[in-house]
Protein backbone atom coordinates (compact mmCIF):
# COMPACT_ATOMS: atom_id res chain seq x y z
CA MET A 1 2.55 -26.57 -17.89
CA SER A 2 4.06 -23.89 -19.82
CA GLN A 3 6.73 -21.07 -19.04
CA LEU A 4 5.28 -17.65 -20.04
CA GLN A 5 7.42 -14.53 -20.81
CA LEU A 6 6.30 -11.62 -21.28
CA ASP A 7 9.05 -9.31 -23.49
CA LYS A 8 9.05 -5.61 -23.06
CA LEU A 9 5.10 -5.30 -22.82
CA THR A 10 3.43 -2.33 -22.91
CA LYS A 11 0.60 -0.59 -23.81
CA VAL A 12 -0.95 3.16 -24.19
CA PHE A 13 -4.33 3.79 -24.28
CA THR A 14 -5.56 7.39 -25.64
CA ASP A 15 -7.46 9.63 -23.54
CA ASP A 16 -10.13 12.20 -24.99
CA ASP A 17 -8.00 14.91 -25.55
CA GLY A 18 -6.29 12.33 -27.99
CA SER A 19 -3.00 12.65 -25.42
CA ASP A 20 -1.32 9.32 -24.47
CA ILE A 21 -1.29 7.80 -21.19
CA VAL A 22 1.10 4.88 -20.84
CA ALA A 23 -0.46 2.64 -18.86
CA VAL A 24 1.98 -0.40 -19.14
CA ASP A 25 5.87 0.68 -19.85
CA GLY A 26 8.14 -2.49 -21.27
CA VAL A 27 7.39 -4.79 -18.83
CA SER A 28 9.54 -8.03 -19.05
CA ILE A 29 9.15 -11.06 -16.84
CA ASP A 30 9.44 -15.15 -17.39
CA ILE A 31 7.73 -17.22 -15.36
CA GLU A 32 8.79 -20.32 -15.15
CA ASP A 33 6.62 -23.64 -15.59
CA GLY A 34 3.99 -24.06 -12.55
CA GLU A 35 5.52 -20.93 -10.70
CA PHE A 36 3.26 -18.75 -8.71
CA LEU A 37 4.10 -15.49 -9.22
CA VAL A 38 2.55 -12.23 -7.97
CA LEU A 39 1.74 -9.09 -9.33
CA VAL A 40 2.11 -6.60 -6.84
CA GLY A 41 1.67 -2.69 -6.51
CA PRO A 42 -0.11 0.43 -5.74
CA SER A 43 -3.77 1.53 -7.38
CA GLY A 44 -3.17 2.59 -10.60
CA CYS A 45 0.89 0.92 -11.77
CA GLY A 46 -0.74 -1.03 -14.58
CA LYS A 47 -1.26 -4.52 -12.89
CA SER A 48 -4.82 -5.27 -13.86
CA THR A 49 -3.92 -3.81 -17.80
CA THR A 50 -0.93 -6.14 -17.65
CA LEU A 51 -2.97 -9.16 -16.50
CA ARG A 52 -5.71 -8.31 -19.70
CA MET A 53 -3.15 -8.53 -21.86
CA VAL A 54 -1.56 -11.77 -20.95
CA ALA A 55 -5.64 -13.10 -21.15
CA GLY A 56 -5.78 -11.58 -24.67
CA LEU A 57 -8.84 -9.19 -23.14
CA GLU A 58 -6.81 -6.09 -23.80
CA THR A 59 -4.63 -4.91 -27.60
CA VAL A 60 -1.13 -5.40 -26.54
CA THR A 61 0.32 -1.94 -28.17
CA SER A 62 4.50 -3.30 -28.39
CA GLY A 63 6.10 -6.36 -26.64
CA ASP A 64 5.62 -9.52 -27.14
CA ILE A 65 3.43 -12.71 -24.97
CA ARG A 66 4.96 -15.99 -25.18
CA LEU A 67 2.96 -19.10 -24.04
CA GLY A 68 6.19 -22.50 -23.96
CA ASP A 69 7.07 -22.22 -27.45
CA ARG A 70 4.26 -20.40 -28.66
CA THR A 71 3.17 -16.65 -29.88
CA ILE A 72 0.18 -15.62 -28.34
CA THR A 73 0.49 -11.72 -28.38
CA ASP A 74 -1.96 -12.03 -31.37
CA GLN A 75 -4.20 -14.93 -30.99
CA LYS A 76 -8.11 -14.07 -29.87
CA ALA A 77 -8.21 -15.12 -25.46
CA GLN A 78 -10.96 -18.94 -26.21
CA GLU A 79 -7.48 -19.79 -28.29
CA ARG A 80 -4.72 -18.97 -25.49
CA ASP A 81 -5.69 -22.17 -23.06
CA ILE A 82 -5.08 -20.11 -20.80
CA ALA A 83 -8.29 -19.27 -17.48
CA MET A 84 -8.68 -16.00 -15.85
CA VAL A 85 -10.27 -15.72 -11.73
CA PHE A 86 -11.33 -12.23 -11.52
CA GLN A 87 -11.73 -9.59 -8.99
CA SER A 88 -15.82 -10.32 -8.93
CA TYR A 89 -16.80 -14.00 -9.01
CA ALA A 90 -18.55 -13.36 -12.50
CA LEU A 91 -21.12 -15.88 -11.82
CA TYR A 92 -24.33 -16.83 -13.56
CA PRO A 93 -27.26 -16.35 -10.73
CA HIS A 94 -29.72 -18.35 -11.93
CA MET A 95 -27.29 -21.50 -12.68
CA THR A 96 -26.27 -24.12 -9.46
CA THR A 97 -22.38 -24.18 -9.21
CA ARG A 98 -21.90 -27.51 -11.14
CA GLU A 99 -23.49 -25.04 -14.53
CA ASN A 100 -21.50 -22.38 -13.71
CA MET A 101 -18.17 -24.63 -13.55
CA SER A 102 -19.00 -26.74 -16.37
CA PHE A 103 -20.32 -23.77 -18.83
CA GLY A 104 -17.32 -22.83 -20.14
CA LEU A 105 -16.29 -26.68 -21.42
CA GLU A 106 -19.98 -27.22 -23.01
CA GLU A 107 -19.41 -24.15 -25.07
CA SER A 108 -15.86 -24.44 -25.34
CA THR A 109 -15.26 -27.89 -25.97
CA ASP A 110 -17.14 -31.03 -27.27
CA MET A 111 -16.13 -33.00 -24.05
CA SER A 112 -19.37 -35.15 -23.44
CA THR A 113 -22.00 -33.95 -20.16
CA ASP A 114 -20.31 -37.34 -17.86
CA GLU A 115 -17.02 -36.68 -18.90
CA ILE A 116 -17.63 -33.04 -18.44
CA TYR A 117 -19.54 -33.36 -15.03
CA ASP A 118 -17.03 -36.02 -13.49
CA ARG A 119 -14.30 -33.28 -14.21
CA VAL A 120 -16.42 -30.35 -12.58
CA GLU A 121 -16.73 -33.19 -9.35
CA GLN A 122 -13.01 -33.99 -9.14
CA ALA A 123 -12.99 -29.94 -8.61
CA ALA A 124 -15.65 -29.69 -5.81
CA GLU A 125 -13.49 -32.43 -4.11
CA LEU A 126 -10.09 -30.65 -4.74
CA LEU A 127 -12.00 -26.83 -3.50
CA GLY A 128 -13.86 -28.65 -0.83
CA ILE A 129 -17.43 -27.86 -2.48
CA ALA A 130 -19.00 -30.42 -3.54
CA ALA A 131 -22.13 -30.50 -1.28
CA LEU A 132 -22.64 -27.13 -2.71
CA LEU A 133 -22.67 -28.04 -6.62
CA ASP A 134 -26.54 -28.17 -6.89
CA ARG A 135 -26.86 -24.19 -4.52
CA LYS A 136 -27.10 -21.22 -6.59
CA PRO A 137 -24.67 -18.21 -6.04
CA THR A 138 -27.36 -16.22 -4.10
CA GLU A 139 -27.15 -19.69 -1.43
CA LEU A 140 -23.65 -19.45 -1.27
CA SER A 141 -21.36 -17.12 1.20
CA GLY A 142 -18.59 -14.99 -0.13
CA GLY A 143 -15.95 -17.57 0.64
CA GLN A 144 -17.76 -20.63 -1.15
CA GLN A 145 -18.93 -18.06 -4.73
CA GLN A 146 -15.10 -17.31 -4.68
CA ARG A 147 -14.32 -21.30 -4.78
CA VAL A 148 -16.73 -21.61 -7.94
CA ALA A 149 -15.38 -19.24 -9.49
CA LEU A 150 -11.67 -20.66 -8.64
CA GLY A 151 -13.43 -24.07 -10.11
CA ARG A 152 -14.95 -22.89 -13.27
CA ALA A 153 -10.86 -21.98 -14.21
CA ILE A 154 -9.47 -25.36 -13.07
CA VAL A 155 -11.87 -27.39 -14.95
CA ARG A 156 -10.66 -25.97 -17.70
CA GLU A 157 -6.57 -27.45 -17.04
CA PRO A 158 -5.59 -24.71 -18.90
CA GLU A 159 -1.30 -23.82 -19.45
CA VAL A 160 -0.92 -21.12 -17.03
CA PHE A 161 -3.86 -19.61 -14.19
CA LEU A 162 -4.54 -15.66 -14.13
CA MET A 163 -6.33 -14.17 -10.98
CA ASP A 164 -7.01 -10.57 -10.63
CA GLU A 165 -7.07 -9.77 -6.69
CA PRO A 166 -9.58 -12.79 -6.40
CA LEU A 167 -9.87 -12.28 -2.30
CA SER A 168 -10.59 -8.69 -2.19
CA ASN A 169 -14.21 -8.93 -1.76
CA LEU A 170 -13.46 -11.36 1.30
CA ASP A 171 -12.88 -10.26 4.96
CA ALA A 172 -9.69 -10.32 6.57
CA LYS A 173 -9.90 -13.62 8.70
CA LEU A 174 -11.06 -15.81 5.39
CA ARG A 175 -9.06 -14.11 3.36
CA SER A 176 -6.35 -15.04 5.53
CA SER A 177 -7.59 -18.90 5.14
CA MET A 178 -7.98 -18.47 1.38
CA ARG A 179 -4.51 -17.18 0.87
CA THR A 180 -3.47 -20.47 2.36
CA GLU A 181 -6.36 -22.59 0.21
CA LEU A 182 -5.13 -21.06 -3.07
CA GLN A 183 -1.17 -22.10 -2.18
CA ARG A 184 -2.30 -25.65 -1.27
CA ILE A 185 -4.65 -25.77 -4.87
CA GLN A 186 -2.05 -24.19 -6.93
CA GLU A 187 0.88 -26.71 -5.85
CA ASP A 188 -1.33 -29.69 -6.60
CA LEU A 189 -2.38 -28.26 -9.79
CA ASP A 190 1.39 -27.14 -10.16
CA THR A 191 0.13 -24.62 -12.97
CA THR A 192 1.72 -21.85 -13.66
CA THR A 193 0.29 -18.94 -12.16
CA MET A 194 0.21 -14.96 -12.13
CA TYR A 195 -1.32 -13.06 -9.05
CA VAL A 196 -2.72 -9.54 -8.88
CA THR A 197 -2.56 -7.98 -6.10
CA HIS A 198 -2.29 -4.40 -4.62
CA ASP A 199 -1.66 -6.31 -1.07
CA GLN A 200 1.97 -6.74 -0.16
CA THR A 201 1.04 -9.49 2.53
CA GLU A 202 -0.56 -11.37 0.50
CA ALA A 203 2.46 -11.19 -2.33
CA MET A 204 4.55 -11.99 0.62
CA THR A 205 2.51 -14.74 1.83
CA MET A 206 2.17 -15.83 -1.39
CA GLY A 207 4.42 -15.50 -4.14
CA ASP A 208 6.97 -17.69 -5.63
CA ARG A 209 8.50 -14.94 -6.63
CA ILE A 210 6.70 -11.34 -6.64
CA ALA A 211 7.37 -8.44 -8.61
CA VAL A 212 7.00 -5.54 -8.18
CA LEU A 213 5.49 -2.51 -10.29
CA ASN A 214 4.99 1.10 -10.09
CA ASP A 215 3.18 3.98 -13.17
CA GLY A 216 3.75 0.87 -15.66
CA ARG A 217 7.08 0.15 -15.53
CA LEU A 218 8.90 -3.18 -13.29
CA GLN A 219 10.86 -2.31 -10.29
CA GLN A 220 11.89 -5.33 -8.77
CA VAL A 221 11.46 -9.61 -9.70
CA GLY A 222 12.71 -11.55 -7.01
CA THR A 223 12.12 -14.17 -4.67
CA PRO A 224 10.02 -12.30 -1.31
CA LEU A 225 12.92 -12.49 0.96
CA GLU A 226 15.03 -11.01 -2.08
CA CYS A 227 12.14 -7.70 -2.51
CA TYR A 228 12.47 -6.84 1.42
CA HIS A 229 15.94 -7.64 2.28
CA ARG A 230 17.30 -6.24 -0.74
CA PRO A 231 14.94 -3.61 -2.12
CA ALA A 232 16.24 -2.77 -5.74
CA ASN A 233 15.24 1.16 -5.16
CA ARG A 234 13.68 3.21 -2.83
CA PHE A 235 9.85 2.54 -3.77
CA VAL A 236 10.71 -1.28 -3.17
CA GLY A 237 11.67 -0.27 0.18
CA GLY A 238 8.88 1.64 0.87
CA PHE A 239 6.36 -0.43 -0.88
CA ILE A 240 7.05 -3.87 0.71
CA GLY A 241 7.24 -4.66 4.49
CA GLU A 242 4.11 -3.21 6.87
CA PRO A 243 4.87 -1.04 8.48
CA SER A 244 6.90 0.73 6.13
CA MET A 245 9.80 1.28 5.88
CA ASN A 246 11.37 4.45 7.55
CA PHE A 247 13.12 6.40 5.37
CA PHE A 248 15.77 9.87 6.37
CA GLU A 249 17.20 12.59 4.12
CA MET A 250 21.04 12.51 4.24
CA THR A 251 24.11 14.53 2.79
CA VAL A 252 26.78 13.14 2.36
CA GLU A 253 30.12 14.70 4.25
CA GLY A 254 33.26 11.92 4.26
CA ASP A 255 32.47 9.02 6.50
CA ARG A 256 28.82 10.09 7.87
CA LEU A 257 26.08 10.74 6.94
CA VAL A 258 23.97 14.32 8.23
CA SER A 259 20.55 16.27 8.72
CA ASP A 260 19.14 18.82 10.68
CA ARG A 261 18.26 15.99 14.07
CA LEU A 262 21.19 13.05 12.95
CA ASN A 263 24.77 12.62 12.59
CA TYR A 264 25.49 8.82 11.21
CA PRO A 265 28.87 8.18 11.42
CA LEU A 266 29.69 5.43 9.11
CA SER A 267 32.18 2.63 8.68
CA ALA A 268 34.49 2.79 5.67
CA GLU A 269 32.99 -0.20 3.74
CA THR A 270 29.46 1.64 3.90
CA ALA A 271 31.43 4.88 3.33
CA ASP A 272 32.67 2.83 0.32
CA ALA A 273 29.23 2.38 -1.19
CA VAL A 274 28.43 5.90 -1.26
CA ALA A 275 31.23 7.70 -2.52
CA GLY A 276 30.07 9.99 -5.22
CA SER A 277 26.90 10.94 -3.63
CA ASP A 278 25.71 13.87 -2.52
CA ARG A 279 22.63 13.08 -1.01
CA VAL A 280 20.84 9.86 -0.49
CA THR A 281 18.32 8.78 1.46
CA LEU A 282 18.91 6.25 4.94
CA GLY A 283 16.83 3.87 5.27
CA ILE A 284 15.66 1.03 8.07
CA ARG A 285 12.48 -1.24 8.85
CA PRO A 286 10.74 -0.36 12.28
CA GLU A 287 11.93 -3.86 13.28
CA ASP A 288 15.81 -3.18 12.79
CA ILE A 289 15.66 -0.46 15.40
CA GLU A 290 16.20 -0.73 19.02
CA ILE A 291 14.54 0.96 21.76
CA VAL A 292 17.87 1.09 24.55
CA ASP A 293 18.07 2.05 28.23
CA ARG A 294 21.73 4.55 26.73
CA PRO A 295 23.34 5.54 23.85
CA ALA A 296 26.31 2.89 23.54
CA ASP A 297 27.02 3.85 20.63
CA ASP A 298 27.15 6.90 17.23
CA HIS A 299 24.69 5.38 16.65
CA ALA A 300 21.98 5.50 19.00
CA PHE A 301 19.47 9.39 19.55
CA GLU A 302 17.28 10.75 22.03
CA THR A 303 13.93 10.58 20.90
CA VAL A 304 10.19 10.94 22.91
CA VAL A 305 7.72 8.76 22.20
CA ASP A 306 4.55 10.45 19.98
CA VAL A 307 2.16 7.48 19.62
CA VAL A 308 2.17 4.11 20.96
CA GLU A 309 0.15 1.67 18.49
CA PRO A 310 -0.89 -2.28 20.66
CA ARG A 311 -0.78 -4.88 18.37
CA GLY A 312 -0.82 -7.56 21.07
CA ASN A 313 2.39 -9.85 20.52
CA GLU A 314 4.35 -6.60 19.40
CA ASN A 315 4.04 -2.83 19.85
CA SER A 316 3.98 0.16 17.40
CA VAL A 317 6.08 2.57 18.84
CA TYR A 318 5.99 6.42 16.83
CA LEU A 319 9.32 8.82 17.25
CA MET A 320 10.35 11.93 17.07
CA PHE A 321 13.18 13.50 18.34
CA GLY A 322 12.96 15.79 20.83
CA ASP A 323 13.36 19.67 19.45
CA GLN A 324 9.84 18.15 17.98
CA GLU A 325 7.75 18.18 20.33
CA THR A 326 6.11 20.90 20.67
CA GLU A 327 5.31 21.24 16.76
CA GLU A 328 1.70 20.55 15.92
CA ASN A 329 2.51 17.74 13.14
CA PRO A 330 5.62 16.55 13.76
CA GLU A 331 7.63 13.94 11.84
CA THR A 332 8.08 10.43 13.11
CA PHE A 333 9.29 7.11 12.63
CA VAL A 334 8.22 4.49 13.42
CA ALA A 335 10.33 1.04 15.90
CA ILE A 336 8.54 -2.65 16.67
CA VAL A 337 8.59 -3.35 19.85
CA ASN A 338 7.33 -6.87 21.93
CA GLY A 339 3.73 -6.26 23.39
CA MET A 340 4.95 -6.81 26.49
CA SER A 341 7.43 -3.58 26.86
CA ARG A 342 6.17 -1.22 28.69
CA VAL A 343 6.23 1.81 26.29
CA GLU A 344 3.94 5.05 26.73
CA ALA A 345 3.37 8.22 24.82
CA GLY A 346 5.74 11.28 26.22
CA GLU A 347 8.67 9.13 27.63
CA PRO A 348 11.92 9.96 26.77
CA VAL A 349 13.71 6.12 24.84
CA VAL A 350 17.11 6.03 23.43
CA ALA A 351 16.84 4.63 19.44
CA HIS A 352 19.56 2.64 18.45
CA VAL A 353 19.77 2.61 14.04
CA PRO A 354 22.32 -0.26 13.95
CA GLU A 355 24.27 0.17 10.61
CA ASP A 356 24.46 -3.05 9.86
CA ALA A 357 20.02 -2.54 9.49
CA VAL A 358 20.52 0.48 7.02
CA HIS A 359 19.46 0.86 3.84
CA LEU A 360 20.75 3.42 1.80
CA PHE A 361 19.43 5.06 -1.18
CA ASP A 362 20.56 7.67 -3.93
CA ALA A 363 18.46 10.57 -3.08
CA ASP A 364 17.91 11.08 -6.75
CA SER A 365 17.29 8.21 -8.84
CA GLY A 366 16.16 6.40 -5.96
CA ASP A 367 18.57 3.33 -6.50
CA ALA A 368 19.59 1.28 -3.93
CA LEU A 369 23.87 2.00 -3.06
CA ARG A 370 23.62 -0.16 -0.02
CA ASN A 371 20.75 -3.01 1.48
CA ARG A 372 21.44 -4.14 4.69
CA VAL A 373 24.08 -6.71 5.87
CA LEU A 374 22.35 -10.25 6.02
CA ASP A 375 24.34 -13.63 6.35
CA ASP A 376 21.79 -16.12 5.57
CA LEU A 377 20.43 -14.77 2.53
CA ASP A 378 21.30 -15.68 -1.17
CA GLU A 379 24.03 -13.35 -2.39
CA THR A 380 22.33 -12.47 -6.03
CA GLU A 381 21.70 -9.07 -6.74
CA PRO A 382 18.22 -7.54 -6.76
CA ARG A 383 16.78 -8.62 -10.36
CA VAL A 384 14.71 -5.42 -12.11
């Protein structure tokens, strides 16, 4: 095992017209020994390019990559002691599972055939594919092929695993079970792992920490709960979580936030957090909005149900303000309620937006000015 360090890693591509495209812009992350770090962000944000630079498949424009006590920035891929699992399984169709898993060791080491096959069989037992060693890829399911690709990386016993969206080709149910399997295997092997995905559910459920990228820039590094409950900026708040955080553009007027449809009073402490800002974005997660019978305080607002999405144990209720009922495409916000609650489209309801659950972001920079109040979460500031 080794610590993996990315220090101001930058990758610039040159377009056909000679202009520069910055794919990765000064990314710095320290990944501890044995840590499972998930790199997450929307398509095109630089996740896979970052991973490919670590693997040695892309040259680094500037910055450094260190593995343990050595710099590997300019080393060839085969010299880095890093194994990569790709989105496409990249199995040789004419080879059996055993041959696919052993091929890399045969080509890059002086191990005997018996030693290689022993290691392959140990990995196959760990992955639950020992009975499939003599089958070819066309005889395997997608999940089994993914295990073979993972086994090919495991037998190398590398210092670091790199995984580039390895579950994206699987159906939803198998993808869910494979998330659990991958976590178990990584914990058993205790190998430093860098995992790339655009799926924030994968990031939240799998990573010891997650690193959020957007437009090639690192937005925040933290535990899943830190990024969820204490987003460093509006982008992280909106990207992490499903359904997404609701946002309302507000003007600061003394101890109140005001918009065309909301007049939201602030406590003295919250007012201090936005002092000096003229405009802010108020964010509230859907599960924090309460549907109540009648207004209990000044943080409750009369709304109308637009759409209800049943999800079994819970319902996603899309709400609009009363004066939007005649609009063809009204702006809505979403609340999550218990699945047994009977709420129907067109029904007037009262939405309570509790102040202790509100996030406030600077309207210009997007930086967090105030995150929701949580007594039981570690009080460290968001890491950016």
